[in-house]
């Protein structure tokens, strides 16, 4: 009887232990399934990938090494891959990392996330759902792979980075051809073709000489976003604005000492401006209201729009109605902002105030503030050779 009780107790104990083991197994399986389900979300997957990125052999580390840091792709032609690698490793190991869905991305099976380091975006990561696994009969866990990963420019504040269908980044930069464009500190390789477009400022000058044009270059298939810096013709940095992946700077050319030395020795821009202003108020003597004097002393370039305007003005009836005054003085005279565009083209800004007394005794002041463009003409058939005035634009 005692032997039977002892056997029963032993069996019962074993049964309880087995049952507890099964319950614990079910508990831990359900728990691990719940954790796996929670972590299978795309946002949690991105957090995990970034958290593990500093480890050699991790998914993200391998992807970056192959696509962002290597020199075998288009990315290698811009900047220093080693510097990007080092910057990435320092960022993921020393900053507070956060994740947020990229604006304008709604495909749940191909989500795009911005990854932030200390609140600044440093990575854009796109995933692709490769399959699903059902557990416990009701829980569907997604499986993901990296579709693309774009390393952001250091210090960027932008969060909307347009990606192409294959998840890579295309960068377009537009700047005048005499400006210097640097991407991650290096010039764009000459192997990348450029498109050019005319600048309105030089529309009346372009028929006579080479003029600055806007140059646009596009680099496609990038998996990193380089830092874009642009320097003007004087070598000074200029602001660059970005919209939808296109970086643009205004065609604002800078004055230089070289241009001023050339301009002041080439022409007397102030005298030319004052003579032109006098011509506009019928104060130049000679035939045709001073037209031939103005053509010669203002150095008007033959066949230019300005040359034709002077001719038209001298032959209009209106010119006879602007002479009811006397010129008292010229004040505020200055010539500034000399800009050299090429060996044969420069401009300068001329300002002065023409003070007059009208026949009625009233006082009037005309302000002249114009940019004058001078071209060195070597074609004797097209007027006098040397520096000629080919355009004038009001400021």
Protein backbone atom coordinates (compact mmCIF):
# COMPACT_ATOMS: atom_id res chain seq x y z
CA UNK A 1 0.00 0.00 0.00
CA UNK A 2 2.81 2.40 0.90
CA UNK A 3 4.59 1.53 -2.30
CA UNK A 4 1.48 2.43 -4.33
CA UNK A 5 1.13 5.77 -2.52
CA UNK A 6 4.78 6.54 -3.09
CA UNK A 7 4.46 5.76 -6.81
CA UNK A 8 1.37 7.91 -7.09
CA UNK A 9 3.06 10.86 -5.41
CA UNK A 10 6.03 10.53 -7.68
CA UNK A 11 3.79 10.35 -10.78
CA UNK A 12 1.72 13.28 -9.55
CA UNK A 13 4.83 15.37 -8.91
CA UNK A 14 6.21 14.57 -12.33
CA UNK A 15 2.84 15.40 -13.89
CA UNK A 16 2.72 18.76 -12.11
CA UNK A 17 6.30 19.55 -13.14
CA UNK A 18 5.61 18.63 -16.76
CA UNK A 19 2.43 20.68 -16.71
CA UNK A 20 4.30 23.65 -15.22
CA UNK A 21 7.01 23.28 -17.83
CA UNK A 22 4.40 23.24 -20.58
CA UNK A 23 2.67 26.27 -19.11
CA UNK A 24 5.98 28.10 -18.80
CA UNK A 25 6.82 27.13 -22.36
CA UNK A 26 3.48 28.40 -23.59
CA UNK A 27 3.90 31.58 -21.53
CA UNK A 28 7.37 32.32 -22.89
CA UNK A 29 6.32 31.39 -26.44
CA UNK A 30 3.29 33.68 -26.27
CA UNK A 31 5.41 36.37 -24.66
CA UNK A 32 8.15 36.10 -27.27
CA UNK A 33 5.50 36.06 -30.01
CA UNK A 34 3.93 39.21 -28.60
CA UNK A 35 7.36 40.89 -28.42
CA UNK A 36 8.18 39.73 -31.95
CA UNK A 37 4.82 41.00 -33.17
CA UNK A 38 5.40 44.37 -31.58
CA UNK A 39 8.93 44.57 -32.93
CA UNK A 40 7.90 43.48 -36.43
CA UNK A 41 6.40 46.88 -37.10
CA UNK A 42 8.31 48.93 -39.67
CA UNK A 43 9.18 51.71 -37.22
CA UNK A 44 10.55 49.25 -34.65
CA UNK A 45 12.49 47.52 -37.42
CA UNK A 46 14.14 50.80 -38.35
CA UNK A 47 15.01 51.47 -34.71
CA UNK A 48 16.58 48.00 -34.45
CA UNK A 49 18.55 48.40 -37.68
CA UNK A 50 20.00 51.71 -36.55
CA UNK A 51 20.70 50.42 -33.04
CA UNK A 52 22.68 47.51 -34.47
CA UNK A 53 24.34 49.51 -37.26
CA UNK A 54 27.59 50.06 -35.35
CA UNK A 55 28.14 46.29 -35.27
CA UNK A 56 30.10 44.75 -38.12
CA UNK A 57 27.97 42.33 -40.06
CA UNK A 58 24.66 43.98 -39.19
CA UNK A 59 22.13 44.47 -41.98
CA UNK A 60 22.38 48.25 -42.08
CA UNK A 61 26.16 48.31 -41.70
CA UNK A 62 26.56 45.94 -44.64
CA UNK A 63 24.11 47.92 -46.76
CA UNK A 64 25.87 51.21 -46.05
CA UNK A 65 29.29 49.74 -46.73
CA UNK A 66 28.15 48.46 -50.10
CA UNK A 67 26.02 51.40 -51.24
CA UNK A 68 27.07 54.55 -49.36
CA UNK A 69 30.69 54.17 -48.32
CA UNK A 70 32.10 52.23 -51.25
CA UNK A 71 33.73 53.81 -54.30
CA UNK A 72 32.36 51.44 -56.94
CA UNK A 73 29.09 53.34 -57.40
CA UNK A 74 28.17 56.87 -58.49
CA UNK A 75 28.37 57.92 -54.86
CA UNK A 76 32.09 57.45 -54.78
CA UNK A 77 32.75 60.32 -57.17
CA UNK A 78 31.57 62.87 -54.62
CA UNK A 79 33.24 63.49 -51.31
CA UNK A 80 35.27 61.19 -49.10
CA UNK A 81 33.66 57.77 -48.37
CA UNK A 82 35.87 57.30 -45.31
CA UNK A 83 34.68 60.61 -43.86
CA UNK A 84 31.05 59.61 -44.36
CA UNK A 85 31.69 56.25 -42.70
CA UNK A 86 33.33 57.88 -39.69
CA UNK A 87 30.60 60.52 -39.37
CA UNK A 88 27.90 57.84 -39.44
CA UNK A 89 29.58 55.73 -36.78
CA UNK A 90 30.08 58.69 -34.45
CA UNK A 91 26.46 59.72 -34.92
CA UNK A 92 24.85 56.36 -34.14
CA UNK A 93 27.08 55.80 -31.12
CA UNK A 94 26.87 59.19 -29.48
CA UNK A 95 23.51 60.82 -30.25
CA UNK A 96 19.91 60.39 -29.14
CA UNK A 97 18.22 58.52 -32.01
CA UNK A 98 14.56 58.91 -32.95
CA UNK A 99 12.44 57.77 -35.92
CA UNK A 100 9.50 59.33 -37.76
CA UNK A 101 7.68 58.47 -41.03
CA UNK A 102 8.82 60.61 -43.96
CA UNK A 103 6.24 63.10 -45.20
CA UNK A 104 4.22 62.00 -48.21
CA UNK A 105 4.90 58.26 -47.87
CA UNK A 106 1.76 56.17 -47.33
CA UNK A 107 2.58 52.71 -48.68
CA UNK A 108 2.52 50.43 -45.64
CA UNK A 109 4.40 47.69 -47.50
CA UNK A 110 7.17 50.08 -48.57
CA UNK A 111 7.48 52.69 -45.80
CA UNK A 112 10.10 55.44 -45.65
CA UNK A 113 11.43 56.80 -42.36
CA UNK A 114 13.56 59.74 -41.33
CA UNK A 115 16.03 58.90 -38.59
CA UNK A 116 17.03 61.79 -36.33
CA UNK A 117 20.20 62.26 -34.29
CA UNK A 118 19.68 64.79 -31.50
CA UNK A 119 16.65 66.08 -33.39
CA UNK A 120 18.37 66.53 -36.78
CA UNK A 121 17.72 64.13 -39.68
CA UNK A 122 20.84 62.17 -40.56
CA UNK A 123 19.38 59.14 -42.36
CA UNK A 124 16.41 58.33 -44.58
CA UNK A 125 15.65 54.61 -44.56
CA UNK A 126 13.18 52.86 -46.85
CA UNK A 127 11.97 49.31 -46.18
CA UNK A 128 10.23 46.71 -48.31
CA UNK A 129 7.97 43.99 -46.91
CA UNK A 130 9.30 40.65 -48.16
CA UNK A 131 6.71 38.39 -46.55
CA UNK A 132 4.60 37.62 -43.50
CA UNK A 133 4.52 34.92 -40.84
CA UNK A 134 1.37 33.99 -38.90
CA UNK A 135 1.77 32.90 -35.31
CA UNK A 136 -0.79 31.77 -32.75
CA UNK A 137 -3.24 31.66 -35.61
CA UNK A 138 -4.09 35.35 -35.29
CA UNK A 139 -0.85 37.34 -35.29
CA UNK A 140 0.75 38.28 -38.60
CA UNK A 141 4.38 39.33 -38.37
CA UNK A 142 5.97 41.26 -41.25
CA UNK A 143 9.41 40.48 -42.58
CA UNK A 144 11.44 43.41 -43.91
CA UNK A 145 14.50 44.18 -45.94
CA UNK A 146 16.31 47.46 -46.61
CA UNK A 147 15.07 48.94 -49.88
CA UNK A 148 17.26 52.03 -49.74
CA UNK A 149 19.18 54.11 -47.27
CA UNK A 150 20.22 57.72 -47.86
CA UNK A 151 22.84 59.24 -45.59
CA UNK A 152 21.91 62.88 -45.01
CA UNK A 153 24.16 65.94 -45.26
CA UNK A 154 25.64 66.93 -41.93
CA UNK A 155 23.70 69.70 -40.23
CA UNK A 156 20.69 69.51 -42.56
CA UNK A 157 17.34 70.68 -41.25
CA UNK A 158 15.27 69.32 -44.15
CA UNK A 159 13.03 66.32 -43.57
CA UNK A 160 11.45 65.86 -47.00
CA UNK A 161 13.97 64.06 -49.21
CA UNK A 162 12.44 62.96 -52.54
CA UNK A 163 13.42 59.41 -53.46
CA UNK A 164 13.12 57.81 -56.87
CA UNK A 165 11.23 54.57 -57.51
CA UNK A 166 14.31 52.50 -56.73
CA UNK A 167 14.81 54.42 -53.48
CA UNK A 168 17.88 56.38 -54.52
CA UNK A 169 18.31 60.12 -54.40
CA UNK A 170 18.78 62.50 -57.35
CA UNK A 171 20.42 65.83 -56.67
CA UNK A 172 20.20 68.80 -59.05
CA UNK A 173 22.24 72.00 -58.66
CA UNK A 174 21.72 75.17 -60.69
CA UNK A 175 24.28 78.00 -60.57
CA UNK A 176 25.93 80.45 -62.98
CA UNK A 177 28.78 78.87 -64.90
CA UNK A 178 31.35 81.19 -63.33
CA UNK A 179 30.34 80.10 -59.81
CA UNK A 180 31.97 77.16 -58.05
CA UNK A 181 29.73 74.34 -56.80
CA UNK A 182 31.06 71.94 -54.17
CA UNK A 183 29.37 68.74 -53.03
CA UNK A 184 30.83 67.50 -49.78
CA UNK A 185 33.78 69.80 -50.45
CA UNK A 186 34.53 68.59 -53.97
CA UNK A 187 33.68 69.95 -57.40
CA UNK A 188 31.17 68.07 -59.53
CA UNK A 189 33.09 65.82 -61.96
CA UNK A 190 33.21 67.01 -65.57
CA UNK A 191 31.88 63.61 -66.63
CA UNK A 192 28.45 64.64 -65.34
CA UNK A 193 26.78 66.54 -68.21
CA UNK A 194 25.49 70.07 -67.78
CA UNK A 195 22.49 71.85 -69.23
CA UNK A 196 22.66 75.61 -69.76
CA UNK A 197 19.96 78.27 -69.87
CA UNK A 198 20.14 81.99 -70.61
CA UNK A 199 20.07 84.65 -67.90
CA UNK A 200 17.61 87.47 -68.63
CA UNK A 201 20.12 90.03 -67.38
CA UNK A 202 22.30 89.48 -70.45
CA UNK A 203 19.64 89.11 -73.13
CA UNK A 204 20.72 92.34 -74.91
CA UNK A 205 24.43 91.57 -74.51
CA UNK A 206 24.47 87.93 -75.59
CA UNK A 207 24.39 88.64 -79.37
CA UNK A 208 27.80 90.31 -79.14
CA UNK A 209 29.91 88.23 -76.76
CA UNK A 210 29.95 85.21 -74.48
CA UNK A 211 27.87 85.92 -71.38
CA UNK A 212 27.26 84.05 -68.11
CA UNK A 213 24.65 81.29 -68.28
CA UNK A 214 22.87 79.22 -65.67
CA UNK A 215 24.35 75.74 -65.49
CA UNK A 216 22.28 72.82 -64.20
CA UNK A 217 23.73 69.41 -63.32
CA UNK A 218 21.90 66.36 -62.02
CA UNK A 219 23.57 63.46 -60.22
CA UNK A 220 21.33 60.40 -60.03
CA UNK A 221 21.45 57.13 -58.12
CA UNK A 222 22.87 58.62 -54.92
CA UNK A 223 22.53 56.87 -51.60
CA UNK A 224 23.90 59.80 -49.69
CA UNK A 225 22.95 63.47 -49.66
CA UNK A 226 26.06 65.63 -50.04
CA UNK A 227 26.37 69.06 -48.48
CA UNK A 228 25.90 71.68 -51.21
CA UNK A 229 28.00 74.85 -51.07
CA UNK A 230 28.30 77.48 -53.80
CA UNK A 231 30.87 80.26 -54.19
CA UNK A 232 30.33 83.26 -56.47
CA UNK A 233 32.71 84.77 -59.02
CA UNK A 234 34.63 86.48 -56.20
CA UNK A 235 35.03 83.24 -54.26
CA UNK A 236 32.54 84.17 -51.52
CA UNK A 237 29.88 81.68 -50.32
CA UNK A 238 26.33 82.48 -51.44
CA UNK A 239 22.96 81.25 -50.11
CA UNK A 240 21.54 78.10 -51.71
CA UNK A 241 17.85 77.26 -51.55
CA UNK A 242 16.38 73.78 -52.02
CA UNK A 243 13.01 72.66 -53.29
CA UNK A 244 12.09 69.09 -54.25
CA UNK A 245 15.70 68.01 -54.55
CA UNK A 246 16.82 71.01 -56.64
CA UNK A 247 19.42 73.36 -55.14
CA UNK A 248 19.53 76.85 -56.68
CA UNK A 249 21.45 80.05 -56.04
CA UNK A 250 20.66 83.47 -57.45
CA UNK A 251 22.88 84.86 -60.20
CA UNK A 252 24.20 87.71 -58.07
CA UNK A 253 27.69 88.51 -59.26
CA UNK A 254 30.14 90.19 -56.91
CA UNK A 255 32.32 93.21 -57.41
CA UNK A 256 36.08 92.62 -57.40
CA UNK A 257 39.18 94.82 -57.26
CA UNK A 258 40.29 93.40 -60.59
CA UNK A 259 37.03 94.48 -62.22
CA UNK A 260 37.21 97.97 -60.68
CA UNK A 261 40.78 98.52 -61.85
CA UNK A 262 39.84 97.47 -65.37
CA UNK A 263 36.57 99.42 -65.47
CA UNK A 264 38.00 102.71 -64.21
CA UNK A 265 40.87 102.56 -66.69
CA UNK A 266 38.64 101.53 -69.62
CA UNK A 267 35.84 104.12 -69.52
CA UNK A 268 34.52 107.16 -67.66
CA UNK A 269 31.20 105.59 -66.71
CA UNK A 270 30.00 108.64 -64.77
CA UNK A 271 30.51 110.99 -67.73
CA UNK A 272 28.75 108.50 -70.01
CA UNK A 273 25.80 108.26 -67.62
CA UNK A 274 25.48 112.04 -67.29
CA UNK A 275 25.69 112.58 -71.05
CA UNK A 276 22.99 109.95 -71.61
CA UNK A 277 20.80 111.56 -68.95
CA UNK A 278 21.27 114.95 -70.65
CA UNK A 279 20.30 113.43 -73.97
CA UNK A 280 17.08 112.13 -72.37
CA UNK A 281 16.10 115.72 -71.44
CA UNK A 282 17.22 117.30 -74.73
CA UNK A 283 20.26 119.00 -73.18
CA UNK A 284 22.88 117.84 -75.69
CA UNK A 285 23.69 120.24 -78.51
CA UNK A 286 24.36 119.31 -82.11
CA UNK A 287 22.54 117.71 -85.00
CA UNK A 288 19.61 115.39 -84.26
CA UNK A 289 19.40 116.67 -80.67
CA UNK A 290 22.96 115.49 -80.00
CA UNK A 291 22.46 111.93 -81.28
CA UNK A 292 25.86 111.71 -83.00
CA UNK A 293 27.61 113.17 -79.97
CA UNK A 294 25.93 110.58 -77.76
CA UNK A 295 26.75 107.72 -80.14
CA UNK A 296 30.39 108.68 -80.06
CA UNK A 297 31.01 109.89 -76.50
CA UNK A 298 28.73 107.33 -74.84
CA UNK A 299 30.56 104.66 -76.84
CA UNK A 300 27.30 103.13 -78.05
CA UNK A 301 27.78 99.72 -79.60
CA UNK A 302 26.33 99.63 -83.09
CA UNK A 303 23.33 97.34 -83.68
CA UNK A 304 22.56 97.07 -79.96
CA UNK A 305 19.13 97.68 -78.48
CA UNK A 306 20.53 100.75 -76.71
CA UNK A 307 21.91 102.17 -79.97
CA UNK A 308 18.47 101.79 -81.56
CA UNK A 309 16.73 103.38 -78.57
CA UNK A 310 18.95 106.45 -78.88
CA UNK A 311 18.18 106.70 -82.59
CA UNK A 312 14.44 106.35 -82.02
CA UNK A 313 14.44 108.94 -79.21
CA UNK A 314 16.25 111.53 -81.33
CA UNK A 315 13.62 111.17 -84.04
CA UNK A 316 10.53 111.25 -81.82
CA UNK A 317 8.40 114.34 -81.41
CA UNK A 318 8.48 113.84 -77.63
CA UNK A 319 12.14 114.89 -77.37
CA UNK A 320 11.16 118.49 -78.12
CA UNK A 321 8.87 118.63 -75.07
CA UNK A 322 11.48 117.82 -72.39
CA UNK A 323 13.68 120.94 -72.71
CA UNK A 324 11.76 123.42 -70.57
CA UNK A 325 14.36 123.62 -67.79
CA UNK A 326 17.95 124.37 -66.89
CA UNK A 327 20.34 121.93 -65.19
CA UNK A 328 21.58 123.43 -61.92
CA UNK A 329 23.89 120.73 -60.57
CA UNK A 330 24.84 117.07 -60.38
CA UNK A 331 24.96 115.62 -56.87
CA UNK A 332 25.43 112.23 -55.18
CA UNK A 333 27.65 111.03 -57.99
CA UNK A 334 29.18 107.60 -57.59
CA UNK A 335 30.26 104.61 -59.66
CA UNK A 336 30.38 101.26 -57.87
CA UNK A 337 29.91 97.50 -58.07
CA UNK A 338 32.32 96.75 -60.88
CA UNK A 339 31.78 93.16 -62.04
CA UNK A 340 34.01 91.35 -64.54
CA UNK A 341 32.19 88.56 -66.39
CA UNK A 342 34.94 87.80 -68.90
CA UNK A 343 37.98 89.47 -70.43
CA UNK A 344 35.61 91.23 -72.85
CA UNK A 345 32.66 92.12 -70.61
CA UNK A 346 32.18 94.07 -67.40
CA UNK A 347 29.47 96.17 -65.76
CA UNK A 348 29.29 98.93 -63.18
CA UNK A 349 26.53 100.77 -61.33
CA UNK A 350 26.22 104.54 -61.86
CA UNK A 351 24.24 106.82 -59.54
CA UNK A 352 23.70 110.57 -59.55
CA UNK A 353 20.99 113.20 -59.04
CA UNK A 354 20.32 115.75 -61.78
CA UNK A 355 18.94 118.91 -60.17
CA UNK A 356 16.93 121.20 -62.46
CA UNK A 357 14.89 124.40 -62.40
CA UNK A 358 11.79 124.32 -64.61
CA UNK A 359 10.54 127.31 -66.60
CA UNK A 360 7.82 127.75 -64.01
CA UNK A 361 10.48 128.19 -61.34
CA UNK A 362 9.76 124.82 -59.72
CA UNK A 363 12.62 122.59 -58.71
CA UNK A 364 12.94 118.99 -59.95
CA UNK A 365 15.46 116.23 -59.37
CA UNK A 366 15.90 113.27 -61.71
CA UNK A 367 17.65 110.25 -60.19
CA UNK A 368 19.84 108.15 -62.45
CA UNK A 369 20.61 104.68 -61.07
CA UNK A 370 21.56 102.24 -63.78
CA UNK A 371 23.86 99.33 -64.46
CA UNK A 372 26.00 99.88 -67.55
CA UNK A 373 27.41 96.93 -69.51
CA UNK A 374 30.59 97.42 -71.52
CA UNK A 375 31.86 95.03 -74.19
CA UNK A 376 35.27 95.10 -75.88
CA UNK A 377 34.53 95.24 -79.59
CA UNK A 378 37.15 93.90 -81.99
CA UNK A 379 34.93 94.00 -85.09
CA UNK A 380 35.57 97.24 -86.98
CA UNK A 381 32.54 96.60 -89.17
CA UNK A 382 30.31 96.82 -86.11
CA UNK A 383 31.31 100.26 -84.90
CA UNK A 384 34.44 101.58 -83.28
CA UNK A 385 36.79 99.04 -81.74
CA UNK A 386 37.55 99.08 -78.01
CA UNK A 387 35.22 99.25 -75.03
CA UNK A 388 31.65 99.98 -76.10
CA UNK A 389 28.44 100.50 -74.11
CA UNK A 390 26.12 97.67 -75.15
CA UNK A 391 23.34 97.76 -72.56
CA UNK A 392 21.91 99.78 -69.67
CA UNK A 393 19.52 98.44 -67.03
CA UNK A 394 17.63 100.45 -64.44
CA UNK A 395 18.24 99.52 -60.81
